[in-house]
Amino acid sequence: MANTEKIKLEEAIKNLEKIVAELNSGQIDVESGLAKFKEGVELIKFCRGELKEAENEFQKLKSELESGQDGEAEL
């Protein structure tokens, strides 16, 4: 599951970079530029959400390690 999420995040970042390049080129009309900008905003929201989920998972695992709850039964 994590690999699938990583691929989606990487694809989103690549798409965002492409949009930024298109917008910076100056070769795009206003309507297309607005549409691309909106798409970019949605990609940023997606990326932030994915990164927040990863951060939460990291914090959860870190807390488990610090508290000694590594999934092994105590003897």
PDB file of N, CA and C in Angstrom:
ATOM      1  N   MET A   1       0.827  -1.208   0.000  1.00  0.00           N
ATOM      2  CA  MET A   1       0.000   0.000   0.000  1.00  0.00           C
ATOM      3  C   MET A   1       0.863   1.260   0.000  1.00  0.00           C
ATOM      4  N   ALA A   2       1.921   1.266   0.787  1.00  0.00           N
ATOM      5  CA  ALA A   2       2.770   2.451   0.859  1.00  0.00           C
ATOM      6  C   ALA A   2       3.416   2.751  -0.491  1.00  0.00           C
ATOM      7  N   ASN A   3       3.799   1.712  -1.240  1.00  0.00           N
ATOM      8  CA  ASN A   3       4.403   1.932  -2.554  1.00  0.00           C
ATOM      9  C   ASN A   3       3.426   2.610  -3.494  1.00  0.00           C
ATOM     10  N   THR A   4       2.160   2.201  -3.460  1.00  0.00           N
ATOM     11  CA  THR A   4       1.138   2.809  -4.303  1.00  0.00           C
ATOM     12  C   THR A   4       0.974   4.276  -3.940  1.00  0.00           C
ATOM     13  N   GLU A   5       0.932   4.589  -2.657  1.00  0.00           N
ATOM     14  CA  GLU A   5       0.796   5.974  -2.216  1.00  0.00           C
ATOM     15  C   GLU A   5       2.005   6.792  -2.650  1.00  0.00           C
ATOM     16  N   LYS A   6       3.188   6.204  -2.562  1.00  0.00           N
ATOM     17  CA  LYS A   6       4.405   6.912  -2.950  1.00  0.00           C
ATOM     18  C   LYS A   6       4.369   7.242  -4.434  1.00  0.00           C
ATOM     19  N   ILE A   7       3.940   6.271  -5.251  1.00  0.00           N
ATOM     20  CA  ILE A   7       3.855   6.504  -6.694  1.00  0.00           C
ATOM     21  C   ILE A   7       2.870   7.626  -6.973  1.00  0.00           C
ATOM     22  N   LYS A   8       1.739   7.601  -6.302  1.00  0.00           N
ATOM     23  CA  LYS A   8       0.747   8.655  -6.514  1.00  0.00           C
ATOM     24  C   LYS A   8       1.314  10.018  -6.125  1.00  0.00           C
ATOM     25  N   LEU A   9       2.022  10.074  -5.028  1.00  0.00           N
ATOM     26  CA  LEU A   9       2.606  11.333  -4.583  1.00  0.00           C
ATOM     27  C   LEU A   9       3.666  11.808  -5.569  1.00  0.00           C
ATOM     28  N   GLU A  10       4.516  10.890  -6.007  1.00  0.00           N
ATOM     29  CA  GLU A  10       5.556  11.253  -6.963  1.00  0.00           C
ATOM     30  C   GLU A  10       4.948  11.741  -8.277  1.00  0.00           C
ATOM     31  N   GLU A  11       3.892  11.081  -8.737  1.00  0.00           N
ATOM     32  CA  GLU A  11       3.212  11.508  -9.958  1.00  0.00           C
ATOM     33  C   GLU A  11       2.600  12.896  -9.780  1.00  0.00           C
ATOM     34  N   ALA A  12       2.009  13.128  -8.631  1.00  0.00           N
ATOM     35  CA  ALA A  12       1.396  14.428  -8.354  1.00  0.00           C
ATOM     36  C   ALA A  12       2.452  15.526  -8.368  1.00  0.00           C
ATOM     37  N   ILE A  13       3.602  15.251  -7.783  1.00  0.00           N
ATOM     38  CA  ILE A  13       4.682  16.241  -7.756  1.00  0.00           C
ATOM     39  C   ILE A  13       5.187  16.511  -9.169  1.00  0.00           C
ATOM     40  N   LYS A  14       5.348  15.460  -9.964  1.00  0.00           N
ATOM     41  CA  LYS A  14       5.793  15.650 -11.356  1.00  0.00           C
ATOM     42  C   LYS A  14       4.779  16.475 -12.136  1.00  0.00           C
ATOM     43  N   ASN A  15       3.494  16.175 -11.952  1.00  0.00           N
ATOM     44  CA  ASN A  15       2.453  16.946 -12.638  1.00  0.00           C
ATOM     45  C   ASN A  15       2.473  18.402 -12.195  1.00  0.00           C
ATOM     46  N   LEU A  16       2.686  18.620 -10.914  1.00  0.00           N
ATOM     47  CA  LEU A  16       2.756  19.979 -10.389  1.00  0.00           C
ATOM     48  C   LEU A  16       3.952  20.733 -10.989  1.00  0.00           C
ATOM     49  N   GLU A  17       5.086  20.062 -11.075  1.00  0.00           N
ATOM     50  CA  GLU A  17       6.266  20.687 -11.683  1.00  0.00           C
ATOM     51  C   GLU A  17       5.996  21.050 -13.142  1.00  0.00           C
ATOM     52  N   LYS A  18       5.291  20.191 -13.851  1.00  0.00           N
ATOM     53  CA  LYS A  18       4.952  20.448 -15.257  1.00  0.00           C
ATOM     54  C   LYS A  18       4.047  21.678 -15.370  1.00  0.00           C
ATOM     55  N   ILE A  19       3.074  21.773 -14.482  1.00  0.00           N
ATOM     56  CA  ILE A  19       2.156  22.922 -14.484  1.00  0.00           C
ATOM     57  C   ILE A  19       2.921  24.209 -14.209  1.00  0.00           C
ATOM     58  N   VAL A  20       3.816  24.167 -13.237  1.00  0.00           N
ATOM     59  CA  VAL A  20       4.612  25.360 -12.907  1.00  0.00           C
ATOM     60  C   VAL A  20       5.430  25.792 -14.122  1.00  0.00           C
ATOM     61  N   ALA A  21       6.025  24.835 -14.809  1.00  0.00           N
ATOM     62  CA  ALA A  21       6.819  25.161 -15.991  1.00  0.00           C
ATOM     63  C   ALA A  21       5.946  25.784 -17.074  1.00  0.00           C
ATOM     64  N   GLU A  22       4.750  25.232 -17.265  1.00  0.00           N
ATOM     65  CA  GLU A  22       3.836  25.774 -18.273  1.00  0.00           C
ATOM     66  C   GLU A  22       3.416  27.196 -17.928  1.00  0.00           C
ATOM     67  N   LEU A  23       3.108  27.420 -16.668  1.00  0.00           N
ATOM     68  CA  LEU A  23       2.686  28.757 -16.241  1.00  0.00           C
ATOM     69  C   LEU A  23       3.841  29.757 -16.352  1.00  0.00           C
ATOM     70  N   ASN A  24       5.048  29.316 -16.046  1.00  0.00           N
ATOM     71  CA  ASN A  24       6.213  30.199 -16.119  1.00  0.00           C
ATOM     72  C   ASN A  24       6.652  30.488 -17.550  1.00  0.00           C
ATOM     73  N   SER A  25       6.217  29.655 -18.480  1.00  0.00           N
ATOM     74  CA  SER A  25       6.648  29.828 -19.876  1.00  0.00           C
ATOM     75  C   SER A  25       6.075  31.093 -20.502  1.00  0.00           C
ATOM     76  N   GLY A  26       4.935  31.550 -20.006  1.00  0.00           N
ATOM     77  CA  GLY A  26       4.301  32.730 -20.580  1.00  0.00           C
ATOM     78  C   GLY A  26       3.612  32.445 -21.901  1.00  0.00           C
ATOM     79  N   GLN A  27       3.577  31.188 -22.310  1.00  0.00           N
ATOM     80  CA  GLN A  27       2.988  30.798 -23.588  1.00  0.00           C
ATOM     81  C   GLN A  27       1.590  30.208 -23.411  1.00  0.00           C
ATOM     82  N   ILE A  28       0.902  30.605 -22.378  1.00  0.00           N
ATOM     83  CA  ILE A  28      -0.410  30.042 -22.072  1.00  0.00           C
ATOM     84  C   ILE A  28      -1.407  31.185 -21.924  1.00  0.00           C
ATOM     85  N   ASP A  29      -2.605  30.984 -22.489  1.00  0.00           N
ATOM     86  CA  ASP A  29      -3.607  32.050 -22.397  1.00  0.00           C
ATOM     87  C   ASP A  29      -4.219  32.089 -21.002  1.00  0.00           C
ATOM     88  N   VAL A  30      -4.950  33.148 -20.731  1.00  0.00           N
ATOM     89  CA  VAL A  30      -5.484  33.386 -19.384  1.00  0.00           C
ATOM     90  C   VAL A  30      -6.408  32.251 -18.933  1.00  0.00           C
ATOM     91  N   GLU A  31      -7.318  31.827 -19.782  1.00  0.00           N
ATOM     92  CA  GLU A  31      -8.255  30.773 -19.382  1.00  0.00           C
ATOM     93  C   GLU A  31      -7.536  29.461 -19.093  1.00  0.00           C
ATOM     94  N   SER A  32      -6.622  29.092 -19.962  1.00  0.00           N
ATOM     95  CA  SER A  32      -5.850  27.867 -19.740  1.00  0.00           C
ATOM     96  C   SER A  32      -4.971  28.002 -18.499  1.00  0.00           C
ATOM     97  N   GLY A  33      -4.414  29.186 -18.312  1.00  0.00           N
ATOM     98  CA  GLY A  33      -3.583  29.427 -17.137  1.00  0.00           C
ATOM     99  C   GLY A  33      -4.366  29.289 -15.850  1.00  0.00           C
ATOM    100  N   LEU A  34      -5.591  29.805 -15.855  1.00  0.00           N
ATOM    101  CA  LEU A  34      -6.437  29.685 -14.675  1.00  0.00           C
ATOM    102  C   LEU A  34      -6.780  28.224 -14.402  1.00  0.00           C
ATOM    103  N   ALA A  35      -7.093  27.486 -15.456  1.00  0.00           N
ATOM    104  CA  ALA A  35      -7.412  26.059 -15.300  1.00  0.00           C
ATOM    105  C   ALA A  35      -6.208  25.295 -14.749  1.00  0.00           C
ATOM    106  N   LYS A  36      -5.031  25.604 -15.283  1.00  0.00           N
ATOM    107  CA  LYS A  36      -3.807  24.952 -14.795  1.00  0.00           C
ATOM    108  C   LYS A  36      -3.523  25.332 -13.347  1.00  0.00           C
ATOM    109  N   PHE A  37      -3.752  26.587 -13.006  1.00  0.00           N
ATOM    110  CA  PHE A  37      -3.543  27.042 -11.637  1.00  0.00           C
ATOM    111  C   PHE A  37      -4.459  26.286 -10.677  1.00  0.00           C
ATOM    112  N   LYS A  38      -5.736  26.137 -11.061  1.00  0.00           N
ATOM    113  CA  LYS A  38      -6.685  25.387 -10.234  1.00  0.00           C
ATOM    114  C   LYS A  38      -6.247  23.933 -10.075  1.00  0.00           C
ATOM    115  N   GLU A  39      -5.781  23.336 -11.165  1.00  0.00           N
ATOM    116  CA  GLU A  39      -5.281  21.963 -11.102  1.00  0.00           C
ATOM    117  C   GLU A  39      -4.089  21.878 -10.156  1.00  0.00           C
ATOM    118  N   GLY A  40      -3.217  22.872 -10.239  1.00  0.00           N
ATOM    119  CA  GLY A  40      -2.059  22.914  -9.355  1.00  0.00           C
ATOM    120  C   GLY A  40      -2.447  23.016  -7.891  1.00  0.00           C
ATOM    121  N   VAL A  41      -3.456  23.825  -7.606  1.00  0.00           N
ATOM    122  CA  VAL A  41      -3.934  23.962  -6.226  1.00  0.00           C
ATOM    123  C   VAL A  41      -4.438  22.617  -5.706  1.00  0.00           C
ATOM    124  N   GLU A  42      -5.180  21.895  -6.541  1.00  0.00           N
ATOM    125  CA  GLU A  42      -5.683  20.574  -6.140  1.00  0.00           C
ATOM    126  C   GLU A  42      -4.541  19.590  -5.910  1.00  0.00           C
ATOM    127  N   LEU A  43      -3.531  19.651  -6.752  1.00  0.00           N
ATOM    128  CA  LEU A  43      -2.371  18.782  -6.563  1.00  0.00           C
ATOM    129  C   LEU A  43      -1.631  19.117  -5.277  1.00  0.00           C
ATOM    130  N   ILE A  44      -1.511  20.397  -4.965  1.00  0.00           N
ATOM    131  CA  ILE A  44      -0.861  20.810  -3.713  1.00  0.00           C
ATOM    132  C   ILE A  44      -1.643  20.289  -2.517  1.00  0.00           C
ATOM    133  N   LYS A  45      -2.958  20.387  -2.557  1.00  0.00           N
ATOM    134  CA  LYS A  45      -3.788  19.876  -1.459  1.00  0.00           C
ATOM    135  C   LYS A  45      -3.581  18.371  -1.293  1.00  0.00           C
ATOM    136  N   PHE A  46      -3.560  17.658  -2.432  1.00  0.00           N
ATOM    137  CA  PHE A  46      -3.346  16.214  -2.388  1.00  0.00           C
ATOM    138  C   PHE A  46      -1.986  15.885  -1.766  1.00  0.00           C
ATOM    139  N   CYS A  47      -0.941  16.567  -2.236  1.00  0.00           N
ATOM    140  CA  CYS A  47       0.401  16.312  -1.726  1.00  0.00           C
ATOM    141  C   CYS A  47       0.507  16.612  -0.232  1.00  0.00           C
ATOM    142  N   ARG A  48      -0.074  17.709   0.188  1.00  0.00           N
ATOM    143  CA  ARG A  48      -0.059  18.048   1.621  1.00  0.00           C
ATOM    144  C   ARG A  48      -0.756  16.971   2.442  1.00  0.00           C
ATOM    145  N   GLY A  49      -1.882  16.471   1.938  1.00  0.00           N
ATOM    146  CA  GLY A  49      -2.602  15.407   2.639  1.00  0.00           C
ATOM    147  C   GLY A  49      -1.783  14.136   2.745  1.00  0.00           C
ATOM    148  N   GLU A  50      -1.141  13.762   1.645  1.00  0.00           N
ATOM    149  CA  GLU A  50      -0.301  12.563   1.648  1.00  0.00           C
ATOM    150  C   GLU A  50       0.874  12.723   2.611  1.00  0.00           C
ATOM    151  N   LEU A  51       1.491  13.898   2.587  1.00  0.00           N
ATOM    152  CA  LEU A  51       2.618  14.143   3.480  1.00  0.00           C
ATOM    153  C   LEU A  51       2.186  14.162   4.943  1.00  0.00           C
ATOM    154  N   LYS A  52       1.004  14.692   5.213  1.00  0.00           N
ATOM    155  CA  LYS A  52       0.490  14.718   6.586  1.00  0.00           C
ATOM    156  C   LYS A  52       0.233  13.298   7.080  1.00  0.00           C
ATOM    157  N   GLU A  53      -0.329  12.459   6.201  1.00  0.00           N
ATOM    158  CA  GLU A  53      -0.562  11.059   6.574  1.00  0.00           C
ATOM    159  C   GLU A  53       0.760  10.359   6.881  1.00  0.00           C
ATOM    160  N   ALA A  54       1.772  10.604   6.055  1.00  0.00           N
ATOM    161  CA  ALA A  54       3.080   9.999   6.283  1.00  0.00           C
ATOM    162  C   ALA A  54       3.678  10.488   7.599  1.00  0.00           C
ATOM    163  N   GLU A  55       3.521  11.780   7.868  1.00  0.00           N
ATOM    164  CA  GLU A  55       4.028  12.340   9.124  1.00  0.00           C
ATOM    165  C   GLU A  55       3.325  11.706  10.326  1.00  0.00           C
ATOM    166  N   ASN A  56       2.016  11.539  10.222  1.00  0.00           N
ATOM    167  CA  ASN A  56       1.263  10.921  11.314  1.00  0.00           C
ATOM    168  C   ASN A  56       1.709   9.486  11.548  1.00  0.00           C
ATOM    169  N   GLU A  57       1.938   8.750  10.474  1.00  0.00           N
ATOM    170  CA  GLU A  57       2.407   7.366  10.596  1.00  0.00           C
ATOM    171  C   GLU A  57       3.791   7.332  11.237  1.00  0.00           C
ATOM    172  N   PHE A  58       4.653   8.236  10.824  1.00  0.00           N
ATOM    173  CA  PHE A  58       5.988   8.335  11.409  1.00  0.00           C
ATOM    174  C   PHE A  58       5.905   8.602  12.908  1.00  0.00           C
ATOM    175  N   GLN A  59       5.066   9.566  13.292  1.00  0.00           N
ATOM    176  CA  GLN A  59       4.922   9.904  14.709  1.00  0.00           C
ATOM    177  C   GLN A  59       4.380   8.720  15.510  1.00  0.00           C
ATOM    178  N   LYS A  60       3.434   7.994  14.917  1.00  0.00           N
ATOM    179  CA  LYS A  60       2.865   6.826  15.590  1.00  0.00           C
ATOM    180  C   LYS A  60       3.940   5.773  15.820  1.00  0.00           C
ATOM    181  N   LEU A  61       4.723   5.485  14.789  1.00  0.00           N
ATOM    182  CA  LEU A  61       5.784   4.495  14.921  1.00  0.00           C
ATOM    183  C   LEU A  61       6.847   4.954  15.913  1.00  0.00           C
ATOM    184  N   LYS A  62       7.189   6.223  15.874  1.00  0.00           N
ATOM    185  CA  LYS A  62       8.176   6.770  16.806  1.00  0.00           C
ATOM    186  C   LYS A  62       7.683   6.629  18.243  1.00  0.00           C
ATOM    187  N   SER A  63       6.413   6.932  18.471  1.00  0.00           N
ATOM    188  CA  SER A  63       5.839   6.814  19.816  1.00  0.00           C
ATOM    189  C   SER A  63       5.862   5.380  20.300  1.00  0.00           C
ATOM    190  N   GLU A  64       5.555   4.454  19.385  1.00  0.00           N
ATOM    191  CA  GLU A  64       5.577   3.032  19.739  1.00  0.00           C
ATOM    192  C   GLU A  64       6.984   2.597  20.137  1.00  0.00           C
ATOM    193  N   LEU A  65       7.978   3.056  19.387  1.00  0.00           N
ATOM    194  CA  LEU A  65       9.358   2.705  19.716  1.00  0.00           C
ATOM    195  C   LEU A  65       9.768   3.283  21.060  1.00  0.00           C
ATOM    196  N   GLU A  66       9.399   4.538  21.303  1.00  0.00           N
ATOM    197  CA  GLU A  66       9.778   5.191  22.548  1.00  0.00           C
ATOM    198  C   GLU A  66       9.098   4.580  23.764  1.00  0.00           C
ATOM    199  N   SER A  67       7.905   4.052  23.573  1.00  0.00           N
ATOM    200  CA  SER A  67       7.178   3.474  24.705  1.00  0.00           C
ATOM    201  C   SER A  67       7.448   1.981  24.840  1.00  0.00           C
ATOM    202  N   GLY A  68       8.204   1.396  23.915  1.00  0.00           N
ATOM    203  CA  GLY A  68       8.544  -0.006  24.002  1.00  0.00           C
ATOM    204  C   GLY A  68       7.489  -0.924  23.434  1.00  0.00           C
ATOM    205  N   GLN A  69       6.516  -0.396  22.735  1.00  0.00           N
ATOM    206  CA  GLN A  69       5.471  -1.215  22.141  1.00  0.00           C
ATOM    207  C   GLN A  69       5.856  -1.570  20.713  1.00  0.00           C
ATOM    208  N   ASP A  70       6.743  -2.534  20.578  1.00  0.00           N
ATOM    209  CA  ASP A  70       7.227  -2.884  19.251  1.00  0.00           C
ATOM    210  C   ASP A  70       6.472  -4.068  18.658  1.00  0.00           C
ATOM    211  N   GLY A  71       5.375  -4.456  19.257  1.00  0.00           N
ATOM    212  CA  GLY A  71       4.562  -5.528  18.710  1.00  0.00           C
ATOM    213  C   GLY A  71       4.943  -6.892  19.247  1.00  0.00           C
ATOM    214  N   GLU A  72       6.014  -6.990  20.039  1.00  0.00           N
ATOM    215  CA  GLU A  72       6.430  -8.262  20.596  1.00  0.00           C
ATOM    216  C   GLU A  72       5.786  -8.435  21.974  1.00  0.00           C
ATOM    217  N   ALA A  73       5.460  -9.656  22.286  1.00  0.00           N
ATOM    218  CA  ALA A  73       4.878  -9.955  23.591  1.00  0.00           C
ATOM    219  C   ALA A  73       5.955  -9.836  24.658  1.00  0.00           C
ATOM    220  N   GLU A  74       5.579  -9.243  25.785  1.00  0.00           N
ATOM    221  CA  GLU A  74       6.521  -9.122  26.891  1.00  0.00           C
ATOM    222  C   GLU A  74       6.592 -10.426  27.635  1.00  0.00           C
ATOM    223  N   LEU A  75       7.791 -10.788  28.091  1.00  0.00           N
ATOM    224  CA  LEU A  75       7.975 -12.041  28.823  1.00  0.00           C
ATOM    225  C   LEU A  75       7.897 -11.843  30.284  1.00  0.00           C
TER     226      LEU A  75
END
